[in-house]
Structures are given as C-alpha cells and as structure tokens.
C-alpha cells in the first residue's frame, strides 16, 4: 500500500499540506470560474481521462477493487455530464450524444468483468475527443484580441452546433 497524505491522520500529514491543498482548491475554483465554456468541456474530458486511467490501474493491480467502485462511478458521472452539455439532437450533435451513450454503456459492461483493457479503449476515445477540444480552445484563444479569453457565448444562446458551451 502506498502512502497518501489525504488518507493519513492529520497529525501525520506533511507540514504545509493543508495550506497547499487549500491553495490547489482555490486555483481550481478560479480556473473553473474564469474558463471559457470550451475550456470547461476540455477540463471535464481531461478529468475523465484521469479517472479512466485510475480505474483501469485499480482493476489491474487491486483485486478487491473489481466491479463498480469509486472510479467507475465518477467516470460515469463525468460521461453523463459531457452528455448533458449537448442541447440539440440533430447532425453532429446527435453523433456526439450517441458517442457518449456508447461510452457509458461500454463502461457499465466493463464493470461486470472488471475489464481494464475495455477501459483503456474508452480512455483512448476520450483522449481523441480531448485533443479536438484542445484545438477548439487554441483557436478561441487566438481569436481573442490581445489573448484575453472571454465567454464567446455570453449572449445566452447556445454555441455552434447545439453543444451547450454555457458554464
């Protein structure tokens, strides 16, 4: 078993741990608060990839973690959140929605046998999706004057193609 400061009694945590954790939480909160809608979607995808990697690793290395566990539940929540960001059911949006439904089903089927390889496949799809959104974010940043990121959809209307890029 590896040592994790978050699981240690408070009197055994490294000095400054609580302060550095608070700073990290404040940084994340600020990042979310000031992120463009496209960047928020990318953050969800990146977190999904991290959780998928952790799930596959836990199924490979810890037999007691087989089946549904905290990682698989979190991954399902993240995929559901990605799906909820799709506001119309036509064209590309319908295909993207179908992709997320497929990923959720793939996850649920994988839980029955704790198939880490299937989760790696799921993660690979999420990585491709994240790469796409990295390009969207890069293009949004280049389109902003003086490199200032702003909410391009602040008018309240959905963004291009029915993807809800509202925060």
C-alpha atoms as a PDB file:
ATOM      1  CA  UNK A   1       0.000   0.000   0.000  1.00  0.00           C
ATOM      2  CA  UNK A   2       1.340   3.409  -0.890  1.00  0.00           C
ATOM      3  CA  UNK A   3       1.261   6.395   1.402  1.00  0.00           C
ATOM      4  CA  UNK A   4      -1.252   9.057   0.571  1.00  0.00           C
ATOM      5  CA  UNK A   5      -1.321  12.264   2.634  1.00  0.00           C
ATOM      6  CA  UNK A   6      -5.079  12.516   2.180  1.00  0.00           C
ATOM      7  CA  UNK A   7      -5.547   9.192   3.993  1.00  0.00           C
ATOM      8  CA  UNK A   8      -3.109   9.910   6.816  1.00  0.00           C
ATOM      9  CA  UNK A   9      -4.215  11.117  10.226  1.00  0.00           C
ATOM     10  CA  UNK A  10      -3.976  14.896  10.433  1.00  0.00           C
ATOM     11  CA  UNK A  11      -1.025  14.780  12.820  1.00  0.00           C
ATOM     12  CA  UNK A  12       0.961  12.736  10.249  1.00  0.00           C
ATOM     13  CA  UNK A  13       0.324  14.939   7.226  1.00  0.00           C
ATOM     14  CA  UNK A  14       3.343  16.793   5.859  1.00  0.00           C
ATOM     15  CA  UNK A  15       3.759  20.301   7.184  1.00  0.00           C
ATOM     16  CA  UNK A  16       2.004  22.793   4.956  1.00  0.00           C
ATOM     17  CA  UNK A  17      -0.180  20.067   3.433  1.00  0.00           C
ATOM     18  CA  UNK A  18      -3.469  21.702   4.407  1.00  0.00           C
ATOM     19  CA  UNK A  19      -2.298  25.092   3.139  1.00  0.00           C
ATOM     20  CA  UNK A  20      -1.071  23.681  -0.178  1.00  0.00           C
ATOM     21  CA  UNK A  21      -4.312  21.697  -0.579  1.00  0.00           C
ATOM     22  CA  UNK A  22      -6.345  24.845   0.077  1.00  0.00           C
ATOM     23  CA  UNK A  23      -4.247  26.749  -2.487  1.00  0.00           C
ATOM     24  CA  UNK A  24      -4.790  23.998  -5.057  1.00  0.00           C
ATOM     25  CA  UNK A  25      -8.536  24.050  -4.394  1.00  0.00           C
ATOM     26  CA  UNK A  26      -8.627  27.840  -4.739  1.00  0.00           C
ATOM     27  CA  UNK A  27      -6.660  27.635  -8.003  1.00  0.00           C
ATOM     28  CA  UNK A  28      -9.055  25.036  -9.406  1.00  0.00           C
ATOM     29  CA  UNK A  29     -12.079  27.084  -8.362  1.00  0.00           C
ATOM     30  CA  UNK A  30     -10.614  30.175 -10.001  1.00  0.00           C
ATOM     31  CA  UNK A  31      -9.758  28.217 -13.158  1.00  0.00           C
ATOM     32  CA  UNK A  32     -13.329  26.970 -13.420  1.00  0.00           C
ATOM     33  CA  UNK A  33     -14.834  30.368 -12.687  1.00  0.00           C
ATOM     34  CA  UNK A  34     -12.797  32.111 -15.385  1.00  0.00           C
ATOM     35  CA  UNK A  35     -12.707  29.365 -18.032  1.00  0.00           C
ATOM     36  CA  UNK A  36     -14.474  29.663 -21.351  1.00  0.00           C
ATOM     37  CA  UNK A  37     -17.246  27.141 -21.969  1.00  0.00           C
ATOM     38  CA  UNK A  38     -14.988  25.235 -24.389  1.00  0.00           C
ATOM     39  CA  UNK A  39     -12.239  25.126 -21.757  1.00  0.00           C
ATOM     40  CA  UNK A  40     -14.718  23.795 -19.185  1.00  0.00           C
ATOM     41  CA  UNK A  41     -15.623  20.978 -21.555  1.00  0.00           C
ATOM     42  CA  UNK A  42     -11.944  20.216 -22.065  1.00  0.00           C
ATOM     43  CA  UNK A  43     -11.436  20.146 -18.291  1.00  0.00           C
ATOM     44  CA  UNK A  44     -14.243  17.567 -17.999  1.00  0.00           C
ATOM     45  CA  UNK A  45     -12.638  15.449 -20.695  1.00  0.00           C
ATOM     46  CA  UNK A  46      -9.205  15.661 -19.084  1.00  0.00           C
ATOM     47  CA  UNK A  47     -10.626  14.648 -15.719  1.00  0.00           C
ATOM     48  CA  UNK A  48     -12.487  11.763 -17.405  1.00  0.00           C
ATOM     49  CA  UNK A  49      -9.214  10.539 -18.885  1.00  0.00           C
ATOM     50  CA  UNK A  50      -7.501  10.680 -15.474  1.00  0.00           C
ATOM     51  CA  UNK A  51     -10.331   8.757 -13.819  1.00  0.00           C
ATOM     52  CA  UNK A  52     -10.411   6.156 -16.615  1.00  0.00           C
ATOM     53  CA  UNK A  53      -6.665   5.613 -16.192  1.00  0.00           C
ATOM     54  CA  UNK A  54      -7.075   5.240 -12.416  1.00  0.00           C
ATOM     55  CA  UNK A  55      -9.970   2.800 -12.885  1.00  0.00           C
ATOM     56  CA  UNK A  56      -8.013   0.568 -15.273  1.00  0.00           C
ATOM     57  CA  UNK A  57      -4.979   0.663 -12.970  1.00  0.00           C
ATOM     58  CA  UNK A  58      -7.068  -0.227  -9.924  1.00  0.00           C
ATOM     59  CA  UNK A  59      -8.672  -3.183 -11.691  1.00  0.00           C
ATOM     60  CA  UNK A  60      -5.251  -4.407 -12.812  1.00  0.00           C
ATOM     61  CA  UNK A  61      -3.433  -4.036  -9.507  1.00  0.00           C
ATOM     62  CA  UNK A  62      -6.042  -4.459  -6.772  1.00  0.00           C
ATOM     63  CA  UNK A  63      -8.400  -7.431  -6.976  1.00  0.00           C
ATOM     64  CA  UNK A  64     -10.514  -6.005  -4.152  1.00  0.00           C
ATOM     65  CA  UNK A  65     -11.411  -3.042  -6.377  1.00  0.00           C
ATOM     66  CA  UNK A  66     -13.023  -5.155  -9.106  1.00  0.00           C
ATOM     67  CA  UNK A  67     -16.513  -4.290 -10.269  1.00  0.00           C
ATOM     68  CA  UNK A  68     -18.162  -0.936  -9.712  1.00  0.00           C
ATOM     69  CA  UNK A  69     -16.095   1.277  -7.448  1.00  0.00           C
ATOM     70  CA  UNK A  70     -15.437   4.945  -6.746  1.00  0.00           C
ATOM     71  CA  UNK A  71     -13.581   5.396 -10.046  1.00  0.00           C
ATOM     72  CA  UNK A  72     -16.217   3.765 -12.218  1.00  0.00           C
ATOM     73  CA  UNK A  73     -18.974   5.779 -10.547  1.00  0.00           C
ATOM     74  CA  UNK A  74     -17.018   9.011 -11.006  1.00  0.00           C
ATOM     75  CA  UNK A  75     -16.309   8.165 -14.645  1.00  0.00           C
ATOM     76  CA  UNK A  76     -19.993   7.518 -15.278  1.00  0.00           C
ATOM     77  CA  UNK A  77     -20.823  10.884 -13.670  1.00  0.00           C
ATOM     78  CA  UNK A  78     -18.302  12.644 -15.908  1.00  0.00           C
ATOM     79  CA  UNK A  79     -19.576  10.968 -19.084  1.00  0.00           C
ATOM     80  CA  UNK A  80     -23.139  11.870 -18.089  1.00  0.00           C
ATOM     81  CA  UNK A  81     -22.067  15.483 -17.555  1.00  0.00           C
ATOM     82  CA  UNK A  82     -20.467  15.552 -21.005  1.00  0.00           C
ATOM     83  CA  UNK A  83     -23.685  14.155 -22.483  1.00  0.00           C
ATOM     84  CA  UNK A  84     -25.808  16.747 -20.687  1.00  0.00           C
ATOM     85  CA  UNK A  85     -23.854  19.506 -22.460  1.00  0.00           C
ATOM     86  CA  UNK A  86     -25.423  18.568 -25.791  1.00  0.00           C
ATOM     87  CA  UNK A  87     -28.527  20.650 -26.367  1.00  0.00           C
ATOM     88  CA  UNK A  88     -29.874  19.508 -29.736  1.00  0.00           C
ATOM     89  CA  UNK A  89     -30.322  16.127 -31.374  1.00  0.00           C
ATOM     90  CA  UNK A  90     -29.503  16.867 -34.985  1.00  0.00           C
ATOM     91  CA  UNK A  91     -26.439  16.294 -37.159  1.00  0.00           C
ATOM     92  CA  UNK A  92     -23.085  16.227 -35.437  1.00  0.00           C
ATOM     93  CA  UNK A  93     -24.637  16.767 -32.006  1.00  0.00           C
ATOM     94  CA  UNK A  94     -26.636  13.584 -32.355  1.00  0.00           C
ATOM     95  CA  UNK A  95     -23.478  11.686 -33.244  1.00  0.00           C
ATOM     96  CA  UNK A  96     -21.597  13.143 -30.281  1.00  0.00           C
ATOM     97  CA  UNK A  97     -24.501  12.270 -27.967  1.00  0.00           C
ATOM     98  CA  UNK A  98     -24.507   8.728 -29.352  1.00  0.00           C
ATOM     99  CA  UNK A  99     -20.774   8.510 -28.668  1.00  0.00           C
ATOM    100  CA  UNK A 100     -21.241   9.426 -25.001  1.00  0.00           C
ATOM    101  CA  UNK A 101     -24.140   6.979 -24.637  1.00  0.00           C
ATOM    102  CA  UNK A 102     -21.913   4.291 -26.162  1.00  0.00           C
ATOM    103  CA  UNK A 103     -19.089   5.143 -23.736  1.00  0.00           C
ATOM    104  CA  UNK A 104     -21.464   4.940 -20.761  1.00  0.00           C
ATOM    105  CA  UNK A 105     -22.742   1.538 -21.916  1.00  0.00           C
ATOM    106  CA  UNK A 106     -19.179   0.376 -22.558  1.00  0.00           C
ATOM    107  CA  UNK A 107     -18.270   1.347 -19.009  1.00  0.00           C
ATOM    108  CA  UNK A 108     -21.255  -0.464 -17.500  1.00  0.00           C
ATOM    109  CA  UNK A 109     -20.493  -3.636 -19.456  1.00  0.00           C
ATOM    110  CA  UNK A 110     -16.820  -3.418 -18.466  1.00  0.00           C
ATOM    111  CA  UNK A 111     -17.761  -3.243 -14.785  1.00  0.00           C
ATOM    112  CA  UNK A 112     -19.276  -6.732 -14.927  1.00  0.00           C
ATOM    113  CA  UNK A 113     -15.917  -8.317 -15.738  1.00  0.00           C
ATOM    114  CA  UNK A 114     -13.589  -5.550 -14.494  1.00  0.00           C
ATOM    115  CA  UNK A 115     -12.134  -5.365 -17.993  1.00  0.00           C
ATOM    116  CA  UNK A 116      -9.273  -2.876 -17.718  1.00  0.00           C
ATOM    117  CA  UNK A 117      -8.486  -3.209 -21.435  1.00  0.00           C
ATOM    118  CA  UNK A 118     -12.012  -2.053 -22.281  1.00  0.00           C
ATOM    119  CA  UNK A 119     -11.495   0.993 -20.061  1.00  0.00           C
ATOM    120  CA  UNK A 120      -8.238   1.712 -21.920  1.00  0.00           C
ATOM    121  CA  UNK A 121     -10.266   1.702 -25.156  1.00  0.00           C
ATOM    122  CA  UNK A 122     -12.785   4.083 -23.599  1.00  0.00           C
ATOM    123  CA  UNK A 123      -9.929   6.316 -22.451  1.00  0.00           C
ATOM    124  CA  UNK A 124      -8.463   6.357 -25.984  1.00  0.00           C
ATOM    125  CA  UNK A 125     -11.768   7.683 -27.350  1.00  0.00           C
ATOM    126  CA  UNK A 126     -11.847  10.351 -24.635  1.00  0.00           C
ATOM    127  CA  UNK A 127      -8.268  11.348 -25.484  1.00  0.00           C
ATOM    128  CA  UNK A 128      -9.221  11.897 -29.127  1.00  0.00           C
ATOM    129  CA  UNK A 129     -12.182  13.995 -28.005  1.00  0.00           C
ATOM    130  CA  UNK A 130      -9.909  15.993 -25.660  1.00  0.00           C
ATOM    131  CA  UNK A 131      -7.443  16.638 -28.500  1.00  0.00           C
ATOM    132  CA  UNK A 132     -10.310  18.053 -30.558  1.00  0.00           C
ATOM    133  CA  UNK A 133     -11.341  20.381 -27.736  1.00  0.00           C
ATOM    134  CA  UNK A 134      -7.715  21.458 -27.188  1.00  0.00           C
ATOM    135  CA  UNK A 135      -7.739  22.665 -30.802  1.00  0.00           C
ATOM    136  CA  UNK A 136     -11.054  24.472 -30.231  1.00  0.00           C
ATOM    137  CA  UNK A 137      -9.617  26.182 -27.145  1.00  0.00           C
ATOM    138  CA  UNK A 138      -6.426  27.123 -29.012  1.00  0.00           C
ATOM    139  CA  UNK A 139      -8.477  28.638 -31.837  1.00  0.00           C
ATOM    140  CA  UNK A 140     -10.661  30.541 -29.355  1.00  0.00           C
ATOM    141  CA  UNK A 141      -7.578  31.961 -27.653  1.00  0.00           C
ATOM    142  CA  UNK A 142      -6.066  33.062 -30.973  1.00  0.00           C
ATOM    143  CA  UNK A 143      -9.356  34.692 -31.994  1.00  0.00           C
ATOM    144  CA  UNK A 144      -9.493  36.825 -28.829  1.00  0.00           C
ATOM    145  CA  UNK A 145      -7.900  40.280 -29.035  1.00  0.00           C
ATOM    146  CA  UNK A 146      -4.681  40.562 -27.020  1.00  0.00           C
ATOM    147  CA  UNK A 147      -5.007  36.924 -25.925  1.00  0.00           C
ATOM    148  CA  UNK A 148      -7.796  37.694 -23.457  1.00  0.00           C
ATOM    149  CA  UNK A 149     -10.200  34.784 -23.114  1.00  0.00           C
ATOM    150  CA  UNK A 150     -13.823  35.759 -22.908  1.00  0.00           C
ATOM    151  CA  UNK A 151     -17.066  33.891 -22.951  1.00  0.00           C
ATOM    152  CA  UNK A 152     -17.951  33.871 -26.632  1.00  0.00           C
ATOM    153  CA  UNK A 153     -21.471  32.704 -25.871  1.00  0.00           C
ATOM    154  CA  UNK A 154     -22.291  35.169 -23.128  1.00  0.00           C
ATOM    155  CA  UNK A 155     -25.351  36.318 -25.048  1.00  0.00           C
ATOM    156  CA  UNK A 156     -27.185  33.348 -23.579  1.00  0.00           C
ATOM    157  CA  UNK A 157     -27.626  31.483 -26.851  1.00  0.00           C
ATOM    158  CA  UNK A 158     -26.195  28.020 -27.377  1.00  0.00           C
ATOM    159  CA  UNK A 159     -22.891  27.834 -29.174  1.00  0.00           C
ATOM    160  CA  UNK A 160     -22.301  26.470 -32.624  1.00  0.00           C
ATOM    161  CA  UNK A 161     -23.894  23.146 -33.473  1.00  0.00           C
ATOM    162  CA  UNK A 162     -26.018  22.718 -30.369  1.00  0.00           C
ATOM    163  CA  UNK A 163     -23.232  21.953 -27.941  1.00  0.00           C
ATOM    164  CA  UNK A 164     -24.014  23.817 -24.790  1.00  0.00           C
ATOM    165  CA  UNK A 165     -20.881  25.796 -24.142  1.00  0.00           C
ATOM    166  CA  UNK A 166     -22.507  27.737 -21.341  1.00  0.00           C
ATOM    167  CA  UNK A 167     -20.817  27.343 -17.941  1.00  0.00           C
END
